[in-house]
Amino acid sequence: MKKMVCSAFMLIIFFSFSWINLPAKGKENSSFIKEISIDGYKLTFEILPYKDFIEKTKKTDKNLASGEEAMLKMDKTMTHHFGVTIIDEKTGKEIKDAMVKVKVIAAKKEDQIKTTMYMTNHFCHYYKMAEKGKYEVLVKFKVNDKVHQGGFYWEI
């Protein structure tokens, strides 16, 4: 009986850590995925170091990866690729024609504001996030002439 209780307790702990998006010990996970809901829209953010994004893209679209590499050569200070998809929670339809701005505020209170571009299957842009610390990510998007905004924190 004690073994069953102990096993059940260990499973609960394991699934609790999985649920809060902590990588397993010893497993390197450079991707950060965060979902937030704003005014009936589900936003899914994927934040990747740019090198990992390029490698991931090379597996599916080598031409796109080459274009991304060329763009990054113009500004070598960029460290992370931000991608965000927006889904209307009521209809399940992906929003592709929104105006999306993302503001990233670094721990040192330096901020970057960029209007994203819709490419392939998400809105995206590159940001400089070289310093360790807590970043605030704010998003503002316009769908059908209505502005929505929200945000979250991310720590490197």
N, C-alpha and C. Protein backbone atom coordinates (compact mmCIF):
# COMPACT_ATOMS: atom_id res chain seq x y z
N MET A 1 0.81 -1.20 0.00
CA MET A 1 0.00 0.00 0.00
C MET A 1 0.86 1.26 0.00
N LYS A 2 1.94 1.25 0.80
CA LYS A 2 2.83 2.40 0.86
C LYS A 2 3.47 2.66 -0.51
N LYS A 3 3.82 1.57 -1.23
CA LYS A 3 4.42 1.72 -2.55
C LYS A 3 3.45 2.39 -3.52
N MET A 4 2.19 2.02 -3.46
CA MET A 4 1.19 2.61 -4.35
C MET A 4 1.01 4.09 -4.04
N VAL A 5 0.93 4.44 -2.77
CA VAL A 5 0.77 5.84 -2.39
C VAL A 5 1.99 6.64 -2.81
N CYS A 6 3.18 6.08 -2.59
CA CYS A 6 4.42 6.76 -2.97
C CYS A 6 4.49 6.93 -4.49
N SER A 7 4.12 5.90 -5.24
CA SER A 7 4.12 5.98 -6.71
C SER A 7 3.13 7.03 -7.20
N ALA A 8 1.95 7.04 -6.62
CA ALA A 8 0.94 8.02 -7.00
C ALA A 8 1.43 9.43 -6.70
N PHE A 9 2.04 9.61 -5.53
CA PHE A 9 2.58 10.91 -5.15
C PHE A 9 3.65 11.36 -6.14
N MET A 10 4.55 10.46 -6.55
CA MET A 10 5.61 10.79 -7.51
C MET A 10 5.03 11.17 -8.87
N LEU A 11 3.99 10.46 -9.30
CA LEU A 11 3.34 10.79 -10.56
C LEU A 11 2.70 12.18 -10.50
N ILE A 12 2.07 12.50 -9.39
CA ILE A 12 1.45 13.81 -9.23
C ILE A 12 2.52 14.90 -9.32
N ILE A 13 3.63 14.71 -8.65
CA ILE A 13 4.72 15.69 -8.69
C ILE A 13 5.24 15.83 -10.12
N PHE A 14 5.48 14.70 -10.79
CA PHE A 14 6.00 14.73 -12.16
C PHE A 14 5.08 15.51 -13.09
N PHE A 15 3.76 15.18 -13.04
CA PHE A 15 2.83 15.86 -13.92
C PHE A 15 2.62 17.32 -13.53
N SER A 16 2.77 17.64 -12.27
CA SER A 16 2.68 19.04 -11.85
C SER A 16 3.80 19.86 -12.49
N PHE A 17 5.02 19.33 -12.47
CA PHE A 17 6.13 20.06 -13.09
C PHE A 17 5.96 20.15 -14.59
N SER A 18 5.44 19.12 -15.22
CA SER A 18 5.19 19.17 -16.66
C SER A 18 4.14 20.23 -16.97
N TRP A 19 3.14 20.30 -16.12
CA TRP A 19 2.05 21.22 -16.35
C TRP A 19 2.50 22.68 -16.30
N ILE A 20 3.47 23.00 -15.44
CA ILE A 20 3.92 24.39 -15.35
C ILE A 20 5.07 24.68 -16.30
N ASN A 21 5.31 23.78 -17.26
CA ASN A 21 6.24 24.02 -18.35
C ASN A 21 7.70 24.09 -17.91
N LEU A 22 8.08 23.24 -16.95
CA LEU A 22 9.48 23.15 -16.59
C LEU A 22 10.10 21.99 -17.35
N PRO A 23 11.26 22.19 -18.00
CA PRO A 23 11.87 21.08 -18.70
C PRO A 23 12.37 20.04 -17.71
N ALA A 24 12.40 18.80 -18.15
CA ALA A 24 12.91 17.73 -17.29
C ALA A 24 14.39 17.95 -17.03
N LYS A 25 14.84 17.51 -15.86
CA LYS A 25 16.23 17.70 -15.48
C LYS A 25 17.15 17.06 -16.52
N GLY A 26 18.16 17.79 -16.94
CA GLY A 26 19.13 17.27 -17.89
C GLY A 26 18.69 17.44 -19.34
N LYS A 27 17.46 17.87 -19.55
CA LYS A 27 16.95 18.06 -20.91
C LYS A 27 17.03 19.53 -21.26
N GLU A 28 17.73 19.86 -22.34
CA GLU A 28 17.86 21.26 -22.73
C GLU A 28 16.70 21.62 -23.64
N ASN A 29 15.99 22.67 -23.27
CA ASN A 29 14.84 23.11 -24.04
C ASN A 29 15.00 24.60 -24.28
N SER A 30 15.44 24.97 -25.48
CA SER A 30 15.71 26.37 -25.75
C SER A 30 14.44 27.12 -26.15
N SER A 31 13.39 26.41 -26.48
CA SER A 31 12.15 27.04 -26.90
C SER A 31 11.30 27.36 -25.67
N PHE A 32 10.64 28.50 -25.73
CA PHE A 32 9.72 28.91 -24.68
C PHE A 32 8.37 29.10 -25.35
N ILE A 33 7.37 28.42 -24.86
CA ILE A 33 6.03 28.57 -25.43
C ILE A 33 5.10 29.04 -24.31
N LYS A 34 4.38 30.09 -24.62
CA LYS A 34 3.45 30.68 -23.64
C LYS A 34 2.13 30.97 -24.34
N GLU A 35 1.05 30.52 -23.74
CA GLU A 35 -0.28 30.82 -24.26
C GLU A 35 -0.98 31.78 -23.31
N ILE A 36 -1.59 32.80 -23.88
CA ILE A 36 -2.39 33.72 -23.08
C ILE A 36 -3.70 33.97 -23.82
N SER A 37 -4.71 34.34 -23.09
CA SER A 37 -6.01 34.64 -23.68
C SER A 37 -6.31 36.12 -23.44
N ILE A 38 -6.69 36.80 -24.51
CA ILE A 38 -7.01 38.23 -24.42
C ILE A 38 -8.31 38.47 -25.18
N ASP A 39 -9.34 38.91 -24.48
CA ASP A 39 -10.61 39.32 -25.10
C ASP A 39 -11.15 38.30 -26.10
N GLY A 40 -11.07 37.02 -25.80
CA GLY A 40 -11.63 36.00 -26.70
C GLY A 40 -10.68 35.52 -27.78
N TYR A 41 -9.43 35.91 -27.69
CA TYR A 41 -8.40 35.45 -28.63
C TYR A 41 -7.33 34.69 -27.86
N LYS A 42 -6.91 33.55 -28.40
CA LYS A 42 -5.81 32.79 -27.79
C LYS A 42 -4.54 33.13 -28.56
N LEU A 43 -3.55 33.64 -27.84
CA LEU A 43 -2.26 33.97 -28.43
C LEU A 43 -1.24 32.95 -27.95
N THR A 44 -0.54 32.35 -28.88
CA THR A 44 0.50 31.38 -28.55
C THR A 44 1.83 31.96 -29.01
N PHE A 45 2.69 32.22 -28.04
CA PHE A 45 4.02 32.76 -28.31
C PHE A 45 5.04 31.64 -28.33
N GLU A 46 5.94 31.66 -29.30
CA GLU A 46 7.11 30.79 -29.27
C GLU A 46 8.32 31.70 -29.35
N ILE A 47 9.16 31.62 -28.34
CA ILE A 47 10.36 32.45 -28.26
C ILE A 47 11.55 31.51 -28.32
N LEU A 48 12.39 31.72 -29.33
CA LEU A 48 13.56 30.87 -29.56
C LEU A 48 14.81 31.69 -29.76
N PRO A 49 15.95 31.24 -29.25
CA PRO A 49 17.20 31.87 -29.66
C PRO A 49 17.27 31.80 -31.19
N TYR A 50 17.74 32.85 -31.85
CA TYR A 50 17.66 32.91 -33.30
C TYR A 50 18.38 31.74 -33.97
N LYS A 51 19.48 31.27 -33.40
CA LYS A 51 20.21 30.14 -34.01
C LYS A 51 19.33 28.89 -34.03
N ASP A 52 18.60 28.66 -32.95
CA ASP A 52 17.71 27.50 -32.89
C ASP A 52 16.56 27.66 -33.89
N PHE A 53 16.07 28.89 -34.05
CA PHE A 53 15.00 29.13 -35.01
C PHE A 53 15.49 28.84 -36.43
N ILE A 54 16.70 29.29 -36.75
CA ILE A 54 17.26 29.05 -38.08
C ILE A 54 17.40 27.55 -38.33
N GLU A 55 17.92 26.83 -37.35
CA GLU A 55 18.09 25.37 -37.51
C GLU A 55 16.74 24.69 -37.69
N LYS A 56 15.75 25.09 -36.92
CA LYS A 56 14.40 24.53 -37.04
C LYS A 56 13.82 24.82 -38.42
N THR A 57 14.02 26.04 -38.91
CA THR A 57 13.48 26.45 -40.21
C THR A 57 14.18 25.72 -41.35
N LYS A 58 15.47 25.46 -41.22
CA LYS A 58 16.20 24.75 -42.28
C LYS A 58 15.60 23.37 -42.54
N LYS A 59 15.02 22.77 -41.53
CA LYS A 59 14.42 21.43 -41.69
C LYS A 59 13.17 21.45 -42.55
N THR A 60 12.48 22.60 -42.60
CA THR A 60 11.22 22.67 -43.34
C THR A 60 11.27 23.56 -44.57
N ASP A 61 12.12 24.60 -44.55
CA ASP A 61 12.16 25.54 -45.67
C ASP A 61 13.54 26.20 -45.74
N LYS A 62 14.42 25.62 -46.54
CA LYS A 62 15.80 26.13 -46.62
C LYS A 62 15.86 27.54 -47.19
N ASN A 63 14.98 27.88 -48.13
CA ASN A 63 14.99 29.23 -48.69
C ASN A 63 14.61 30.27 -47.64
N LEU A 64 13.60 29.97 -46.86
CA LEU A 64 13.20 30.88 -45.79
C LEU A 64 14.33 31.03 -44.78
N ALA A 65 14.98 29.93 -44.43
CA ALA A 65 16.10 29.98 -43.48
C ALA A 65 17.22 30.85 -44.01
N SER A 66 17.51 30.77 -45.31
CA SER A 66 18.55 31.61 -45.91
C SER A 66 18.18 33.08 -45.83
N GLY A 67 16.92 33.38 -46.09
CA GLY A 67 16.45 34.76 -45.99
C GLY A 67 16.55 35.29 -44.57
N GLU A 68 16.20 34.45 -43.59
CA GLU A 68 16.30 34.84 -42.19
C GLU A 68 17.75 35.11 -41.80
N GLU A 69 18.66 34.24 -42.26
CA GLU A 69 20.09 34.43 -41.96
C GLU A 69 20.60 35.74 -42.55
N ALA A 70 20.18 36.05 -43.78
CA ALA A 70 20.60 37.30 -44.42
C ALA A 70 20.09 38.51 -43.65
N MET A 71 18.84 38.42 -43.18
CA MET A 71 18.27 39.53 -42.41
C MET A 71 19.03 39.73 -41.10
N LEU A 72 19.39 38.64 -40.45
CA LEU A 72 20.11 38.74 -39.18
C LEU A 72 21.53 39.28 -39.34
N LYS A 73 22.11 39.09 -40.51
CA LYS A 73 23.45 39.64 -40.74
C LYS A 73 23.43 41.15 -40.77
N MET A 74 22.27 41.74 -41.08
CA MET A 74 22.14 43.20 -41.09
C MET A 74 22.12 43.78 -39.69
N ASP A 75 21.65 43.02 -38.73
CA ASP A 75 21.62 43.47 -37.33
C ASP A 75 22.03 42.31 -36.44
N LYS A 76 23.28 42.24 -36.11
CA LYS A 76 23.83 41.12 -35.35
C LYS A 76 23.54 41.19 -33.86
N THR A 77 22.83 42.23 -33.41
CA THR A 77 22.52 42.33 -31.98
C THR A 77 21.28 41.52 -31.60
N MET A 78 20.50 41.10 -32.59
CA MET A 78 19.27 40.36 -32.31
C MET A 78 19.61 38.96 -31.83
N THR A 79 18.95 38.52 -30.76
CA THR A 79 19.27 37.22 -30.16
C THR A 79 18.11 36.23 -30.18
N HIS A 80 16.85 36.71 -30.27
CA HIS A 80 15.70 35.82 -30.16
C HIS A 80 14.64 36.11 -31.22
N HIS A 81 14.04 35.04 -31.70
CA HIS A 81 12.93 35.12 -32.64
C HIS A 81 11.63 34.96 -31.84
N PHE A 82 10.72 35.90 -32.04
CA PHE A 82 9.40 35.83 -31.42
C PHE A 82 8.40 35.47 -32.50
N GLY A 83 7.63 34.43 -32.28
CA GLY A 83 6.53 34.10 -33.17
C GLY A 83 5.26 34.07 -32.34
N VAL A 84 4.17 34.57 -32.89
CA VAL A 84 2.89 34.53 -32.18
C VAL A 84 1.78 34.20 -33.18
N THR A 85 0.93 33.26 -32.78
CA THR A 85 -0.27 32.97 -33.55
C THR A 85 -1.46 33.47 -32.74
N ILE A 86 -2.48 33.91 -33.46
CA ILE A 86 -3.69 34.43 -32.82
C ILE A 86 -4.88 33.63 -33.34
N ILE A 87 -5.62 33.04 -32.42
CA ILE A 87 -6.79 32.24 -32.77
C ILE A 87 -8.02 32.85 -32.12
N ASP A 88 -9.07 33.03 -32.91
CA ASP A 88 -10.35 33.47 -32.37
C ASP A 88 -10.93 32.28 -31.59
N GLU A 89 -11.06 32.43 -30.29
CA GLU A 89 -11.50 31.31 -29.45
C GLU A 89 -12.94 30.88 -29.76
N LYS A 90 -13.76 31.78 -30.25
CA LYS A 90 -15.16 31.45 -30.54
C LYS A 90 -15.27 30.61 -31.82
N THR A 91 -14.53 30.98 -32.86
CA THR A 91 -14.65 30.30 -34.15
C THR A 91 -13.53 29.28 -34.40
N GLY A 92 -12.42 29.41 -33.66
CA GLY A 92 -11.27 28.53 -33.91
C GLY A 92 -10.45 28.95 -35.11
N LYS A 93 -10.79 30.07 -35.71
CA LYS A 93 -10.13 30.55 -36.92
C LYS A 93 -8.86 31.32 -36.57
N GLU A 94 -7.79 31.06 -37.32
CA GLU A 94 -6.55 31.80 -37.13
C GLU A 94 -6.69 33.19 -37.73
N ILE A 95 -6.22 34.18 -36.99
CA ILE A 95 -6.24 35.57 -37.45
C ILE A 95 -4.92 35.84 -38.18
N LYS A 96 -5.01 36.26 -39.44
CA LYS A 96 -3.81 36.49 -40.25
C LYS A 96 -3.66 37.94 -40.68
N ASP A 97 -4.68 38.75 -40.45
CA ASP A 97 -4.65 40.12 -40.96
C ASP A 97 -4.67 41.18 -39.86
N ALA A 98 -4.18 40.84 -38.70
CA ALA A 98 -4.15 41.80 -37.59
C ALA A 98 -2.91 42.68 -37.68
N MET A 99 -2.97 43.80 -37.00
CA MET A 99 -1.80 44.65 -36.80
C MET A 99 -1.30 44.29 -35.41
N VAL A 100 -0.07 43.75 -35.32
CA VAL A 100 0.43 43.24 -34.03
C VAL A 100 1.73 43.94 -33.67
N LYS A 101 1.75 44.56 -32.49
CA LYS A 101 2.96 45.18 -31.96
C LYS A 101 3.36 44.44 -30.70
N VAL A 102 4.65 44.19 -30.55
CA VAL A 102 5.17 43.54 -29.36
C VAL A 102 6.22 44.45 -28.75
N LYS A 103 6.09 44.67 -27.46
CA LYS A 103 7.06 45.47 -26.71
C LYS A 103 7.74 44.55 -25.71
N VAL A 104 9.06 44.51 -25.76
CA VAL A 104 9.83 43.70 -24.82
C VAL A 104 10.61 44.66 -23.93
N ILE A 105 10.40 44.54 -22.61
CA ILE A 105 11.08 45.39 -21.64
C ILE A 105 12.07 44.53 -20.87
N ALA A 106 13.35 44.89 -20.97
CA ALA A 106 14.41 44.13 -20.31
C ALA A 106 14.46 44.45 -18.82
N ALA A 107 15.21 43.63 -18.10
CA ALA A 107 15.37 43.82 -16.65
C ALA A 107 15.92 45.21 -16.33
N LYS A 108 16.74 45.73 -17.22
CA LYS A 108 17.32 47.07 -17.02
C LYS A 108 16.39 48.18 -17.49
N LYS A 109 15.13 47.81 -17.75
CA LYS A 109 14.09 48.75 -18.17
C LYS A 109 14.30 49.31 -19.57
N GLU A 110 15.17 48.70 -20.36
CA GLU A 110 15.31 49.08 -21.77
C GLU A 110 14.19 48.39 -22.52
N ASP A 111 13.57 49.11 -23.46
CA ASP A 111 12.49 48.47 -24.18
C ASP A 111 12.70 48.51 -25.70
N GLN A 112 12.06 47.56 -26.35
CA GLN A 112 12.07 47.45 -27.80
C GLN A 112 10.61 47.28 -28.23
N ILE A 113 10.17 48.11 -29.16
CA ILE A 113 8.81 48.01 -29.67
C ILE A 113 8.91 47.74 -31.17
N LYS A 114 8.25 46.67 -31.62
CA LYS A 114 8.31 46.32 -33.03
C LYS A 114 6.94 45.90 -33.53
N THR A 115 6.65 46.30 -34.75
CA THR A 115 5.45 45.83 -35.43
C THR A 115 5.85 44.54 -36.13
N THR A 116 5.13 43.47 -35.83
CA THR A 116 5.49 42.17 -36.39
C THR A 116 5.01 42.03 -37.83
N MET A 117 5.54 41.02 -38.50
CA MET A 117 5.14 40.69 -39.87
C MET A 117 4.51 39.31 -39.85
N TYR A 118 3.50 39.09 -40.70
CA TYR A 118 2.92 37.76 -40.80
C TYR A 118 3.72 37.01 -41.86
N MET A 119 4.36 35.92 -41.43
CA MET A 119 5.17 35.10 -42.34
C MET A 119 4.83 33.64 -42.13
N THR A 120 4.55 32.96 -43.17
CA THR A 120 4.26 31.53 -43.20
C THR A 120 3.03 31.18 -42.39
N ASN A 121 3.13 31.17 -41.06
CA ASN A 121 1.97 30.79 -40.24
C ASN A 121 1.92 31.51 -38.90
N HIS A 122 2.62 32.64 -38.79
CA HIS A 122 2.62 33.37 -37.53
C HIS A 122 3.12 34.81 -37.75
N PHE A 123 2.83 35.65 -36.78
CA PHE A 123 3.40 37.00 -36.76
C PHE A 123 4.75 36.89 -36.07
N CYS A 124 5.76 37.60 -36.57
CA CYS A 124 7.09 37.41 -35.98
C CYS A 124 7.99 38.64 -36.13
N HIS A 125 9.03 38.62 -35.32
CA HIS A 125 10.10 39.62 -35.38
C HIS A 125 11.24 39.13 -34.49
N TYR A 126 12.39 39.79 -34.60
CA TYR A 126 13.55 39.47 -33.77
C TYR A 126 13.74 40.53 -32.70
N TYR A 127 14.23 40.09 -31.54
CA TYR A 127 14.48 40.99 -30.42
C TYR A 127 15.84 40.70 -29.81
N LYS A 128 16.40 41.73 -29.20
CA LYS A 128 17.67 41.59 -28.48
C LYS A 128 17.34 41.26 -27.03
N MET A 129 17.74 40.05 -26.62
CA MET A 129 17.50 39.60 -25.25
C MET A 129 18.75 38.87 -24.76
N ALA A 130 19.86 39.57 -24.79
CA ALA A 130 21.15 38.96 -24.48
C ALA A 130 21.42 38.85 -22.98
N GLU A 131 20.81 39.73 -22.20
CA GLU A 131 21.06 39.76 -20.75
C GLU A 131 20.18 38.77 -20.02
N LYS A 132 20.74 38.15 -18.99
CA LYS A 132 19.92 37.29 -18.13
C LYS A 132 19.06 38.19 -17.25
N GLY A 133 17.87 37.70 -16.95
CA GLY A 133 16.97 38.46 -16.11
C GLY A 133 15.52 38.27 -16.52
N LYS A 134 14.66 39.07 -15.94
CA LYS A 134 13.22 38.97 -16.18
C LYS A 134 12.82 40.00 -17.24
N TYR A 135 12.12 39.52 -18.27
CA TYR A 135 11.64 40.38 -19.34
C TYR A 135 10.12 40.47 -19.26
N GLU A 136 9.61 41.65 -19.57
CA GLU A 136 8.17 41.81 -19.68
C GLU A 136 7.84 41.87 -21.17
N VAL A 137 6.88 41.08 -21.59
CA VAL A 137 6.46 41.03 -22.99
C VAL A 137 5.03 41.55 -23.05
N LEU A 138 4.84 42.64 -23.75
CA LEU A 138 3.51 43.24 -23.91
C LEU A 138 3.11 43.14 -25.36
N VAL A 139 1.88 42.79 -25.61
CA VAL A 139 1.38 42.67 -26.98
C VAL A 139 0.14 43.54 -27.13
N LYS A 140 0.06 44.18 -28.27
CA LYS A 140 -1.09 45.01 -28.61
C LYS A 140 -1.45 44.64 -30.05
N PHE A 141 -2.69 44.22 -30.26
CA PHE A 141 -3.08 43.83 -31.61
C PHE A 141 -4.46 44.38 -31.94
N LYS A 142 -4.64 44.63 -33.22
CA LYS A 142 -5.88 45.22 -33.71
C LYS A 142 -6.53 44.25 -34.68
N VAL A 143 -7.78 43.87 -34.37
CA VAL A 143 -8.57 42.99 -35.23
C VAL A 143 -9.92 43.67 -35.44
N ASN A 144 -10.30 43.82 -36.70
CA ASN A 144 -11.60 44.45 -37.02
C ASN A 144 -11.77 45.80 -36.31
N ASP A 145 -10.76 46.64 -36.39
CA ASP A 145 -10.78 47.99 -35.81
C ASP A 145 -10.91 48.03 -34.29
N LYS A 146 -10.71 46.90 -33.62
CA LYS A 146 -10.75 46.89 -32.16
C LYS A 146 -9.38 46.50 -31.64
N VAL A 147 -8.87 47.29 -30.67
CA VAL A 147 -7.53 47.07 -30.12
C VAL A 147 -7.63 46.20 -28.87
N HIS A 148 -6.72 45.21 -28.77
CA HIS A 148 -6.65 44.30 -27.63
C HIS A 148 -5.21 44.34 -27.12
N GLN A 149 -5.03 44.18 -25.81
CA GLN A 149 -3.67 44.18 -25.28
C GLN A 149 -3.56 43.32 -24.03
N GLY A 150 -2.33 42.83 -23.81
CA GLY A 150 -2.04 42.00 -22.65
C GLY A 150 -0.56 41.74 -22.57
N GLY A 151 -0.15 40.82 -21.72
CA GLY A 151 1.28 40.54 -21.62
C GLY A 151 1.58 39.45 -20.64
N PHE A 152 2.88 39.19 -20.49
CA PHE A 152 3.38 38.18 -19.56
C PHE A 152 4.85 38.45 -19.27
N TYR A 153 5.41 37.71 -18.35
CA TYR A 153 6.82 37.82 -17.99
C TYR A 153 7.55 36.57 -18.44
N TRP A 154 8.82 36.75 -18.80
CA TRP A 154 9.66 35.64 -19.22
C TRP A 154 11.05 35.86 -18.65
N GLU A 155 11.63 34.82 -18.06
CA GLU A 155 12.94 34.95 -17.46
C GLU A 155 13.96 34.08 -18.19
N ILE A 156 15.10 34.71 -18.48
CA ILE A 156 16.21 33.99 -19.12
C ILE A 156 17.18 33.60 -18.03
